[in-house]
C-alpha atoms as a PDB file:
ATOM      1  CA  MET A   1      17.543  41.530-109.324  1.00  0.00           C
ATOM      2  CA  ALA A   2      15.191  39.135-111.049  1.00  0.00           C
ATOM      3  CA  VAL A   3      14.163  35.952-109.069  1.00  0.00           C
ATOM      4  CA  ASP A   4      12.748  33.030-111.068  1.00  0.00           C
ATOM      5  CA  PHE A   5       9.340  32.139-110.619  1.00  0.00           C
ATOM      6  CA  ARG A   6      10.282  28.575-109.375  1.00  0.00           C
ATOM      7  CA  VAL A   7      12.539  30.167-106.708  1.00  0.00           C
ATOM      8  CA  PHE A   8       9.302  32.069-105.402  1.00  0.00           C
ATOM      9  CA  LEU A   9       7.509  28.824-105.381  1.00  0.00           C
ATOM     10  CA  PHE A  10      10.068  26.976-103.454  1.00  0.00           C
ATOM     11  CA  GLY A  11       9.855  29.972-101.063  1.00  0.00           C
ATOM     12  CA  VAL A  12       6.413  29.605-100.590  1.00  0.00           C
ATOM     13  CA  PHE A  13       6.675  25.804-100.272  1.00  0.00           C
ATOM     14  CA  SER A  14       9.414  26.402 -97.606  1.00  0.00           C
ATOM     15  CA  LEU A  15       7.382  29.005 -95.574  1.00  0.00           C
ATOM     16  CA  ILE A  16       4.625  26.761 -95.157  1.00  0.00           C
ATOM     17  CA  PHE A  17       6.472  23.427 -94.491  1.00  0.00           C
ATOM     18  CA  GLY A  18       8.698  25.147 -91.801  1.00  0.00           C
ATOM     19  CA  ALA A  19       5.363  26.336 -90.145  1.00  0.00           C
ATOM     20  CA  ILE A  20       4.381  22.603 -90.137  1.00  0.00           C
ATOM     21  CA  LEU A  21       7.569  21.321 -89.110  1.00  0.00           C
ATOM     22  CA  PHE A  22       7.422  23.872 -86.233  1.00  0.00           C
ATOM     23  CA  ILE A  23       4.165  22.715 -84.981  1.00  0.00           C
ATOM     24  CA  ALA A  24       5.360  18.916 -85.394  1.00  0.00           C
ATOM     25  CA  GLY A  25       8.357  20.064 -83.078  1.00  0.00           C
ATOM     26  CA  PHE A  26       6.109  20.877 -80.232  1.00  0.00           C
ATOM     27  CA  ILE A  27       4.155  17.416 -80.597  1.00  0.00           C
ATOM     28  CA  TRP A  28       7.478  15.491 -80.470  1.00  0.00           C
ATOM     29  CA  MET A  29       8.370  17.630 -77.502  1.00  0.00           C
ATOM     30  CA  LYS A  30       5.131  16.558 -75.599  1.00  0.00           C
ATOM     31  CA  GLN A  31       5.476  13.072 -76.871  1.00  0.00           C
ATOM     32  CA  LYS A  32       8.999  13.132 -75.465  1.00  0.00           C
ATOM     33  CA  GLN A  33       7.974  14.539 -72.255  1.00  0.00           C
ATOM     34  CA  THR A  34       5.280  11.659 -72.146  1.00  0.00           C
ATOM     35  CA  ILE A  35       7.795   8.912 -72.222  1.00  0.00           C
ATOM     36  CA  GLU A  36      10.132  10.471 -69.738  1.00  0.00           C
ATOM     37  CA  ASN A  37       7.145  11.036 -67.463  1.00  0.00           C
ATOM     38  CA  ILE A  38       5.644   7.370 -67.453  1.00  0.00           C
ATOM     39  CA  PRO A  39       7.618   4.665 -65.851  1.00  0.00           C
ATOM     40  CA  THR A  40       7.843   1.609 -67.366  1.00  0.00           C
ATOM     41  CA  SER A  41       5.235  -1.191 -65.701  1.00  0.00           C
ATOM     42  CA  LYS A  42       5.247  -4.678 -65.316  1.00  0.00           C
ATOM     43  CA  ILE A  43       2.704  -6.240 -67.213  1.00  0.00           C
ATOM     44  CA  ARG A  44       1.207  -7.785 -64.217  1.00  0.00           C
ATOM     45  CA  SER A  45       0.571  -4.462 -62.587  1.00  0.00           C
ATOM     46  CA  ILE A  46      -0.696  -2.796 -65.730  1.00  0.00           C
ATOM     47  CA  ALA A  47      -3.671  -0.167 -65.125  1.00  0.00           C
ATOM     48  CA  MET A  48      -5.964   1.042 -67.180  1.00  0.00           C
ATOM     49  CA  GLY A  49      -4.651   4.178 -69.018  1.00  0.00           C
ATOM     50  CA  LEU A  50      -1.695   5.106 -70.818  1.00  0.00           C
ATOM     51  CA  VAL A  51       1.082   2.659 -70.098  1.00  0.00           C
ATOM     52  CA  GLU A  52       4.561   1.957 -71.023  1.00  0.00           C
ATOM     53  CA  ILE A  53       5.624  -1.645 -71.422  1.00  0.00           C
ATOM     54  CA  PHE A  54       8.707  -3.710 -72.447  1.00  0.00           C
ATOM     55  CA  GLY A  55       8.922  -7.441 -73.232  1.00  0.00           C
ATOM     56  CA  ASN A  56       8.980 -10.072 -75.980  1.00  0.00           C
ATOM     57  CA  VAL A  57       6.845 -10.925 -78.795  1.00  0.00           C
ATOM     58  CA  ILE A  58       4.517 -13.915 -78.595  1.00  0.00           C
ATOM     59  CA  PRO A  59       2.549 -14.760 -81.582  1.00  0.00           C
ATOM     60  CA  GLY A  60      -1.242 -15.397 -80.841  1.00  0.00           C
ATOM     61  CA  LYS A  61      -2.429 -18.994 -82.019  1.00  0.00           C
ATOM     62  CA  GLY A  62      -2.834 -19.067 -85.469  1.00  0.00           C
ATOM     63  CA  LYS A  63      -1.932 -15.304 -86.040  1.00  0.00           C
ATOM     64  CA  ILE A  64       1.311 -15.253 -88.086  1.00  0.00           C
ATOM     65  CA  LEU A  65       2.023 -13.416 -91.050  1.00  0.00           C
ATOM     66  CA  LYS A  66       4.808 -14.226 -93.681  1.00  0.00           C
ATOM     67  CA  SER A  67       6.849 -10.997 -94.822  1.00  0.00           C
ATOM     68  CA  PRO A  68       6.182 -10.681 -98.690  1.00  0.00           C
ATOM     69  CA  LEU A  69       9.927 -10.046 -99.734  1.00  0.00           C
ATOM     70  CA  SER A  70      12.004 -12.362 -97.171  1.00  0.00           C
ATOM     71  CA  ASN A  71       9.248 -14.792 -96.345  1.00  0.00           C
ATOM     72  CA  SER A  72      10.004 -14.260 -92.607  1.00  0.00           C
ATOM     73  CA  ASP A  73       7.474 -15.272 -89.891  1.00  0.00           C
ATOM     74  CA  CYS A  74       6.266 -11.763 -88.183  1.00  0.00           C
ATOM     75  CA  VAL A  75       3.162 -10.438 -86.597  1.00  0.00           C
ATOM     76  CA  TYR A  76       3.679  -6.999 -88.798  1.00  0.00           C
ATOM     77  CA  TYR A  77       5.315  -6.055 -91.826  1.00  0.00           C
ATOM     78  CA  ASN A  78       5.958  -2.942 -93.980  1.00  0.00           C
ATOM     79  CA  TYR A  79       7.491  -3.296 -97.430  1.00  0.00           C
ATOM     80  CA  LYS A  80       8.511  -0.850-100.123  1.00  0.00           C
ATOM     81  CA  ILE A  81       9.689  -1.850-103.904  1.00  0.00           C
ATOM     82  CA  GLU A  82      11.399   1.152-106.156  1.00  0.00           C
ATOM     83  CA  GLU A  83      12.815   1.421-109.202  1.00  0.00           C
ATOM     84  CA  TYR A  84      15.708   3.889-110.251  1.00  0.00           C
ATOM     85  CA  ARG A  85      14.621   5.991-112.968  1.00  0.00           C
ATOM     86  CA  ARG A  86      16.399   8.583-115.187  1.00  0.00           C
ATOM     87  CA  SER A  87      14.897  11.411-116.971  1.00  0.00           C
ATOM     88  CA  GLY A  88      17.381  13.464-118.755  1.00  0.00           C
ATOM     89  CA  LYS A  89      19.915  14.903-116.644  1.00  0.00           C
ATOM     90  CA  SER A  90      17.920  13.813-113.330  1.00  0.00           C
ATOM     91  CA  SER A  91      17.347  10.412-111.846  1.00  0.00           C
ATOM     92  CA  HIS A  92      15.555   9.296-108.824  1.00  0.00           C
ATOM     93  CA  TRP A  93      13.707   6.371-107.172  1.00  0.00           C
ATOM     94  CA  VAL A  94      10.210   5.761-107.934  1.00  0.00           C
ATOM     95  CA  THR A  95       8.049   3.506-105.544  1.00  0.00           C
ATOM     96  CA  ARG A  96       6.334   0.925-107.816  1.00  0.00           C
ATOM     97  CA  LYS A  97       4.468  -0.909-104.663  1.00  0.00           C
ATOM     98  CA  HIS A  98       4.313  -0.549-100.900  1.00  0.00           C
ATOM     99  CA  GLY A  99       2.236  -1.982 -98.207  1.00  0.00           C
ATOM    100  CA  LYS A 100       2.037  -3.084 -94.627  1.00  0.00           C
ATOM    101  CA  GLU A 101       0.100  -5.629 -92.692  1.00  0.00           C
ATOM    102  CA  SER A 102      -0.213  -6.417 -88.768  1.00  0.00           C
ATOM    103  CA  VAL A 103      -2.214  -9.113 -86.626  1.00  0.00           C
ATOM    104  CA  PRO A 104      -2.825  -8.971 -82.839  1.00  0.00           C
ATOM    105  CA  PHE A 105      -0.026 -10.536 -80.915  1.00  0.00           C
ATOM    106  CA  TYR A 106       1.105 -10.780 -77.127  1.00  0.00           C
ATOM    107  CA  LEU A 107       3.819  -9.056 -75.069  1.00  0.00           C
ATOM    108  CA  LYS A 108       5.516 -11.014 -72.241  1.00  0.00           C
ATOM    109  CA  ASP A 109       7.592  -9.968 -69.388  1.00  0.00           C
ATOM    110  CA  SER A 110       8.871 -11.741 -66.335  1.00  0.00           C
ATOM    111  CA  THR A 111       5.516 -10.949 -64.711  1.00  0.00           C
ATOM    112  CA  GLY A 112       2.855 -11.659 -67.276  1.00  0.00           C
ATOM    113  CA  ILE A 113       1.659 -11.583 -70.851  1.00  0.00           C
ATOM    114  CA  VAL A 114      -0.825  -9.038 -72.499  1.00  0.00           C
ATOM    115  CA  LEU A 115      -2.428  -8.470 -75.886  1.00  0.00           C
ATOM    116  CA  ILE A 116      -1.438  -6.085 -78.179  1.00  0.00           C
ATOM    117  CA  ASP A 117      -3.471  -4.379 -80.941  1.00  0.00           C
ATOM    118  CA  PRO A 118      -0.965  -2.569 -83.782  1.00  0.00           C
ATOM    119  CA  ASN A 119      -3.427  -1.117 -85.619  1.00  0.00           C
ATOM    120  CA  HIS A 120      -3.260   2.621 -85.682  1.00  0.00           C
ATOM    121  CA  ALA A 121       0.124   2.642 -84.096  1.00  0.00           C
ATOM    122  CA  GLU A 122       3.296   4.306 -85.003  1.00  0.00           C
ATOM    123  CA  VAL A 123       5.460   1.618 -85.656  1.00  0.00           C
ATOM    124  CA  ASP A 124       9.317   2.502 -85.720  1.00  0.00           C
ATOM    125  CA  VAL A 125      11.439  -0.449 -86.040  1.00  0.00           C
ATOM    126  CA  ASN A 126      14.749  -1.095 -87.494  1.00  0.00           C
ATOM    127  CA  ARG A 127      15.292  -2.525 -91.456  1.00  0.00           C
ATOM    128  CA  ASP A 128      15.352  -5.984 -91.532  1.00  0.00           C
ATOM    129  CA  PHE A 129      15.557  -6.852 -95.151  1.00  0.00           C
ATOM    130  CA  ILE A 130      17.188  -4.642 -98.115  1.00  0.00           C
ATOM    131  CA  PHE A 131      18.285  -5.952-101.626  1.00  0.00           C
ATOM    132  CA  LYS A 132      19.106  -4.097-104.775  1.00  0.00           C
ATOM    133  CA  SER A 133      19.055  -5.792-108.043  1.00  0.00           C
ATOM    134  CA  GLY A 134      20.449  -4.538-111.250  1.00  0.00           C
ATOM    135  CA  LEU A 135      22.751  -5.474-114.359  1.00  0.00           C
ATOM    136  CA  GLY A 136      23.970  -9.126-113.605  1.00  0.00           C
ATOM    137  CA  LYS A 137      22.396  -9.301-110.498  1.00  0.00           C
ATOM    138  CA  ASP A 138      18.780 -11.089-109.851  1.00  0.00           C
ATOM    139  CA  PRO A 139      16.553 -10.454-106.909  1.00  0.00           C
ATOM    140  CA  PRO A 140      16.252 -13.512-104.288  1.00  0.00           C
ATOM    141  CA  GLU A 141      13.743 -16.062-105.286  1.00  0.00           C
ATOM    142  CA  THR A 142      11.255 -14.888-102.431  1.00  0.00           C
ATOM    143  CA  VAL A 143      11.349 -11.468-103.977  1.00  0.00           C
ATOM    144  CA  LYS A 144      10.895 -12.805-107.630  1.00  0.00           C
ATOM    145  CA  LYS A 145       7.670 -14.826-106.471  1.00  0.00           C
ATOM    146  CA  PHE A 146       6.336 -11.860-104.900  1.00  0.00           C
ATOM    147  CA  LEU A 147       7.100  -9.743-107.963  1.00  0.00           C
ATOM    148  CA  GLN A 148       5.523 -12.363-110.310  1.00  0.00           C
ATOM    149  CA  LYS A 149       2.399 -12.296-107.714  1.00  0.00           C
ATOM    150  CA  SER A 150       2.108  -8.601-108.216  1.00  0.00           C
ATOM    151  CA  ASN A 151       2.432  -8.264-111.903  1.00  0.00           C
ATOM    152  CA  LEU A 152       5.784  -6.342-111.270  1.00  0.00           C
ATOM    153  CA  ARG A 153       8.964  -7.315-113.498  1.00  0.00           C
ATOM    154  CA  PHE A 154      12.394  -6.548-112.596  1.00  0.00           C
ATOM    155  CA  GLU A 155      13.559  -7.357-116.080  1.00  0.00           C
ATOM    156  CA  GLY A 156      13.295  -4.431-118.597  1.00  0.00           C
ATOM    157  CA  LEU A 157      14.135  -3.897-122.306  1.00  0.00           C
ATOM    158  CA  LEU A 158      16.096  -7.049-124.024  1.00  0.00           C
ATOM    159  CA  GLY A 159      15.871  -8.856-120.617  1.00  0.00           C
ATOM    160  CA  MET A 160      18.005  -6.702-118.961  1.00  0.00           C
ATOM    161  CA  ASN A 161      17.588  -6.222-115.364  1.00  0.00           C
ATOM    162  CA  LYS A 162      16.119  -2.969-114.050  1.00  0.00           C
ATOM    163  CA  THR A 163      17.955  -1.206-111.189  1.00  0.00           C
ATOM    164  CA  MET A 164      15.528  -1.895-108.375  1.00  0.00           C
ATOM    165  CA  ARG A 165      15.424  -1.759-104.437  1.00  0.00           C
ATOM    166  CA  TYR A 166      13.573  -3.788-102.160  1.00  0.00           C
ATOM    167  CA  THR A 167      12.929  -2.559 -98.406  1.00  0.00           C
ATOM    168  CA  GLU A 168      11.272  -4.450 -95.623  1.00  0.00           C
ATOM    169  CA  TYR A 169      10.454  -4.175 -91.693  1.00  0.00           C
ATOM    170  CA  PHE A 170       8.957  -6.644 -89.608  1.00  0.00           C
ATOM    171  CA  ILE A 171       8.477  -7.671 -86.055  1.00  0.00           C
ATOM    172  CA  ALA A 172       9.278 -11.399 -85.745  1.00  0.00           C
ATOM    173  CA  PRO A 173       8.459 -13.678 -82.545  1.00  0.00           C
ATOM    174  CA  ASN A 174      10.427 -13.179 -79.488  1.00  0.00           C
ATOM    175  CA  ASP A 175      11.436  -9.607 -80.688  1.00  0.00           C
ATOM    176  CA  LYS A 176      11.948  -7.358 -77.667  1.00  0.00           C
ATOM    177  CA  LEU A 177       9.776  -4.447 -78.006  1.00  0.00           C
ATOM    178  CA  TYR A 178       9.142  -1.089 -76.078  1.00  0.00           C
ATOM    179  CA  ILE A 179       5.426   0.041 -76.485  1.00  0.00           C
ATOM    180  CA  ILE A 180       3.821   3.083 -75.135  1.00  0.00           C
ATOM    181  CA  GLY A 181       0.017   2.866 -75.517  1.00  0.00           C
ATOM    182  CA  THR A 182      -3.637   2.773 -73.799  1.00  0.00           C
ATOM    183  CA  ALA A 183      -4.650  -0.382 -71.718  1.00  0.00           C
ATOM    184  CA  ASP A 184      -8.385  -0.677 -72.380  1.00  0.00           C
ATOM    185  CA  ASP A 185     -10.979  -3.343 -72.474  1.00  0.00           C
ATOM    186  CA  ASN A 186      -9.825  -6.587 -74.354  1.00  0.00           C
ATOM    187  CA  PRO A 187     -12.781  -6.809 -76.971  1.00  0.00           C
ATOM    188  CA  TYR A 188     -12.039 -10.673 -77.683  1.00  0.00           C
ATOM    189  CA  VAL A 189     -12.629 -11.553 -73.657  1.00  0.00           C
ATOM    190  CA  GLU A 190     -15.987 -11.202 -72.334  1.00  0.00           C
ATOM    191  CA  GLU A 191     -15.810  -8.556 -69.301  1.00  0.00           C
ATOM    192  CA  ALA A 192     -14.847 -10.100 -65.657  1.00  0.00           C
ATOM    193  CA  THR A 193     -14.197 -13.465 -67.246  1.00  0.00           C
ATOM    194  CA  GLY A 194     -10.578 -13.361 -67.329  1.00  0.00           C
ATOM    195  CA  GLN A 195      -8.585 -15.374 -64.886  1.00  0.00           C
ATOM    196  CA  SER A 196      -6.222 -12.397 -64.468  1.00  0.00           C
ATOM    197  CA  ASN A 197      -6.663  -8.912 -64.413  1.00  0.00           C
ATOM    198  CA  VAL A 198      -4.425  -8.490 -67.672  1.00  0.00           C
ATOM    199  CA  GLU A 199      -6.440 -11.151 -69.424  1.00  0.00           C
ATOM    200  CA  ASP A 200      -9.301  -8.317 -69.506  1.00  0.00           C
ATOM    201  CA  ILE A 201      -6.914  -5.720 -70.925  1.00  0.00           C
ATOM    202  CA  MET A 202      -5.630  -5.053 -74.460  1.00  0.00           C
ATOM    203  CA  ILE A 203      -3.018  -2.459 -75.423  1.00  0.00           C
ATOM    204  CA  GLN A 204      -4.316  -0.510 -78.251  1.00  0.00           C
ATOM    205  CA  LYS A 205      -4.713   3.266 -79.412  1.00  0.00           C
ATOM    206  CA  GLY A 206      -6.771   5.451 -77.010  1.00  0.00           C
ATOM    207  CA  LYS A 207      -9.385   7.562 -77.687  1.00  0.00           C
ATOM    208  CA  ASN A 208      -8.713  10.138 -75.078  1.00  0.00           C
ATOM    209  CA  ASN A 209      -4.809  10.099 -75.489  1.00  0.00           C
ATOM    210  CA  PRO A 210      -3.891   8.896 -79.223  1.00  0.00           C
ATOM    211  CA  PHE A 211      -0.447   8.661 -78.737  1.00  0.00           C
ATOM    212  CA  TYR A 212       0.366   4.894 -79.487  1.00  0.00           C
ATOM    213  CA  TYR A 213       4.176   3.995 -80.593  1.00  0.00           C
ATOM    214  CA  ILE A 214       5.963   0.570 -80.966  1.00  0.00           C
ATOM    215  CA  SER A 215       9.593   0.248 -81.319  1.00  0.00           C
ATOM    216  CA  ASP A 216      12.172  -2.583 -81.346  1.00  0.00           C
ATOM    217  CA  ASN A 217      14.602  -0.088 -79.643  1.00  0.00           C
ATOM    218  CA  PRO A 218      15.222   0.335 -75.902  1.00  0.00           C
ATOM    219  CA  GLU A 219      13.603   3.408 -74.127  1.00  0.00           C
ATOM    220  CA  LYS A 220      16.957   5.480 -74.101  1.00  0.00           C
ATOM    221  CA  LYS A 221      17.360   4.968 -78.063  1.00  0.00           C
ATOM    222  CA  VAL A 222      13.567   6.159 -78.520  1.00  0.00           C
ATOM    223  CA  LEU A 223      14.075   9.191 -76.287  1.00  0.00           C
ATOM    224  CA  ASN A 224      17.076  10.248 -78.466  1.00  0.00           C
ATOM    225  CA  ARG A 225      15.036   9.643 -81.794  1.00  0.00           C
ATOM    226  CA  PHE A 226      12.199  11.822 -80.089  1.00  0.00           C
ATOM    227  CA  ARG A 227      14.941  14.598 -79.268  1.00  0.00           C
ATOM    228  CA  ASN A 228      16.317  14.866 -82.468  1.00  0.00           C
ATOM    229  CA  LYS A 229      13.074  15.157 -84.323  1.00  0.00           C
ATOM    230  CA  MET A 230      11.964  17.751 -81.538  1.00  0.00           C
ATOM    231  CA  LEU A 231      15.020  19.644 -82.276  1.00  0.00           C
ATOM    232  CA  LEU A 232      14.808  19.342 -86.042  1.00  0.00           C
ATOM    233  CA  GLY A 233      11.015  20.863 -85.535  1.00  0.00           C
ATOM    234  CA  LEU A 234      11.693  23.595 -83.531  1.00  0.00           C
ATOM    235  CA  ILE A 235      15.017  24.768 -84.715  1.00  0.00           C
ATOM    236  CA  GLY A 236      14.972  23.723 -88.414  1.00  0.00           C
ATOM    237  CA  GLY A 237      11.211  24.712 -88.750  1.00  0.00           C
ATOM    238  CA  PRO A 238      11.597  28.491 -88.108  1.00  0.00           C
ATOM    239  CA  ALA A 239      15.040  28.472 -90.164  1.00  0.00           C
ATOM    240  CA  LEU A 240      13.187  27.057 -93.294  1.00  0.00           C
ATOM    241  CA  SER A 241      10.332  29.365 -93.110  1.00  0.00           C
ATOM    242  CA  VAL A 242      12.686  32.435 -92.705  1.00  0.00           C
ATOM    243  CA  ILE A 243      14.536  31.208 -95.810  1.00  0.00           C
ATOM    244  CA  GLY A 244      11.182  30.901 -97.490  1.00  0.00           C
ATOM    245  CA  LEU A 245      10.003  34.398 -96.380  1.00  0.00           C
ATOM    246  CA  ILE A 246      13.500  35.730 -97.799  1.00  0.00           C
ATOM    247  CA  LEU A 247      12.667  34.149-101.160  1.00  0.00           C
ATOM    248  CA  VAL A 248       8.952  35.256-101.422  1.00  0.00           C
ATOM    249  CA  LEU A 249      10.413  39.006-100.417  1.00  0.00           C
ATOM    250  CA  LEU A 250      12.951  38.798-103.226  1.00  0.00           C
ATOM    251  CA  PHE A 251      10.511  37.884-105.696  1.00  0.00           C
ATOM    252  CA  LEU A 252       8.288  40.432-104.802  1.00  0.00           C
ATOM    253  CA  GLY A 253      10.973  43.018-104.808  1.00  0.00           C
ATOM    254  CA  LEU A 254      10.582  44.005-100.898  1.00  0.00           C
ATOM    255  CA  PHE A 255      13.887  42.536 -99.888  1.00  0.00           C
END
């Protein structure tokens, strides 16, 4: 049986991607175990090293951003602008512009407050804004202004609206966050000059333990997400590799 060369290429891709997914599964398993084994600390009692905390977002003085699509106050945003394009019999979404930005902020619980540097963290927050423009449906004014500033058009030929999708995630003041990261020296405070131990600390990505995760979900939901990713990697990875291997062997006439 002759096998198309494209099937062979798909087999090679599946074989390699399956192996990568399998390795990622072990990483997600280790991260899940880390979350399970580290108790949630009260901010007042934070010790140096890897910690898990939960609290409300407090912006720093003058440290507030405006999200580009919804113009919302935030300390972190991530956005994507896509255009729906057709090519022959196929159609797909094409990313026209995307970006993210963050500023340091504070996390507060009932015992204290600590500085958070979200730089280099894996930020996993729920979607806050999505809008799809198209025929007879213009985007909101905030989106229009950002498109104009970015030299992008939502209108196409003869002034008819393109089919476009605008998605945005952000962390807003007073949002509840679950954070696991490294408590280390606060570079904005001279050592030993803080009025409390916590003032000398900043949560950041660690040098020895790079696991740094920020989510607006409670710990139970975070664990469910890591479990699902772990199962996808440890089960889906090998399954995909086996399928890829079969396709390669079929192409080579060895199966």
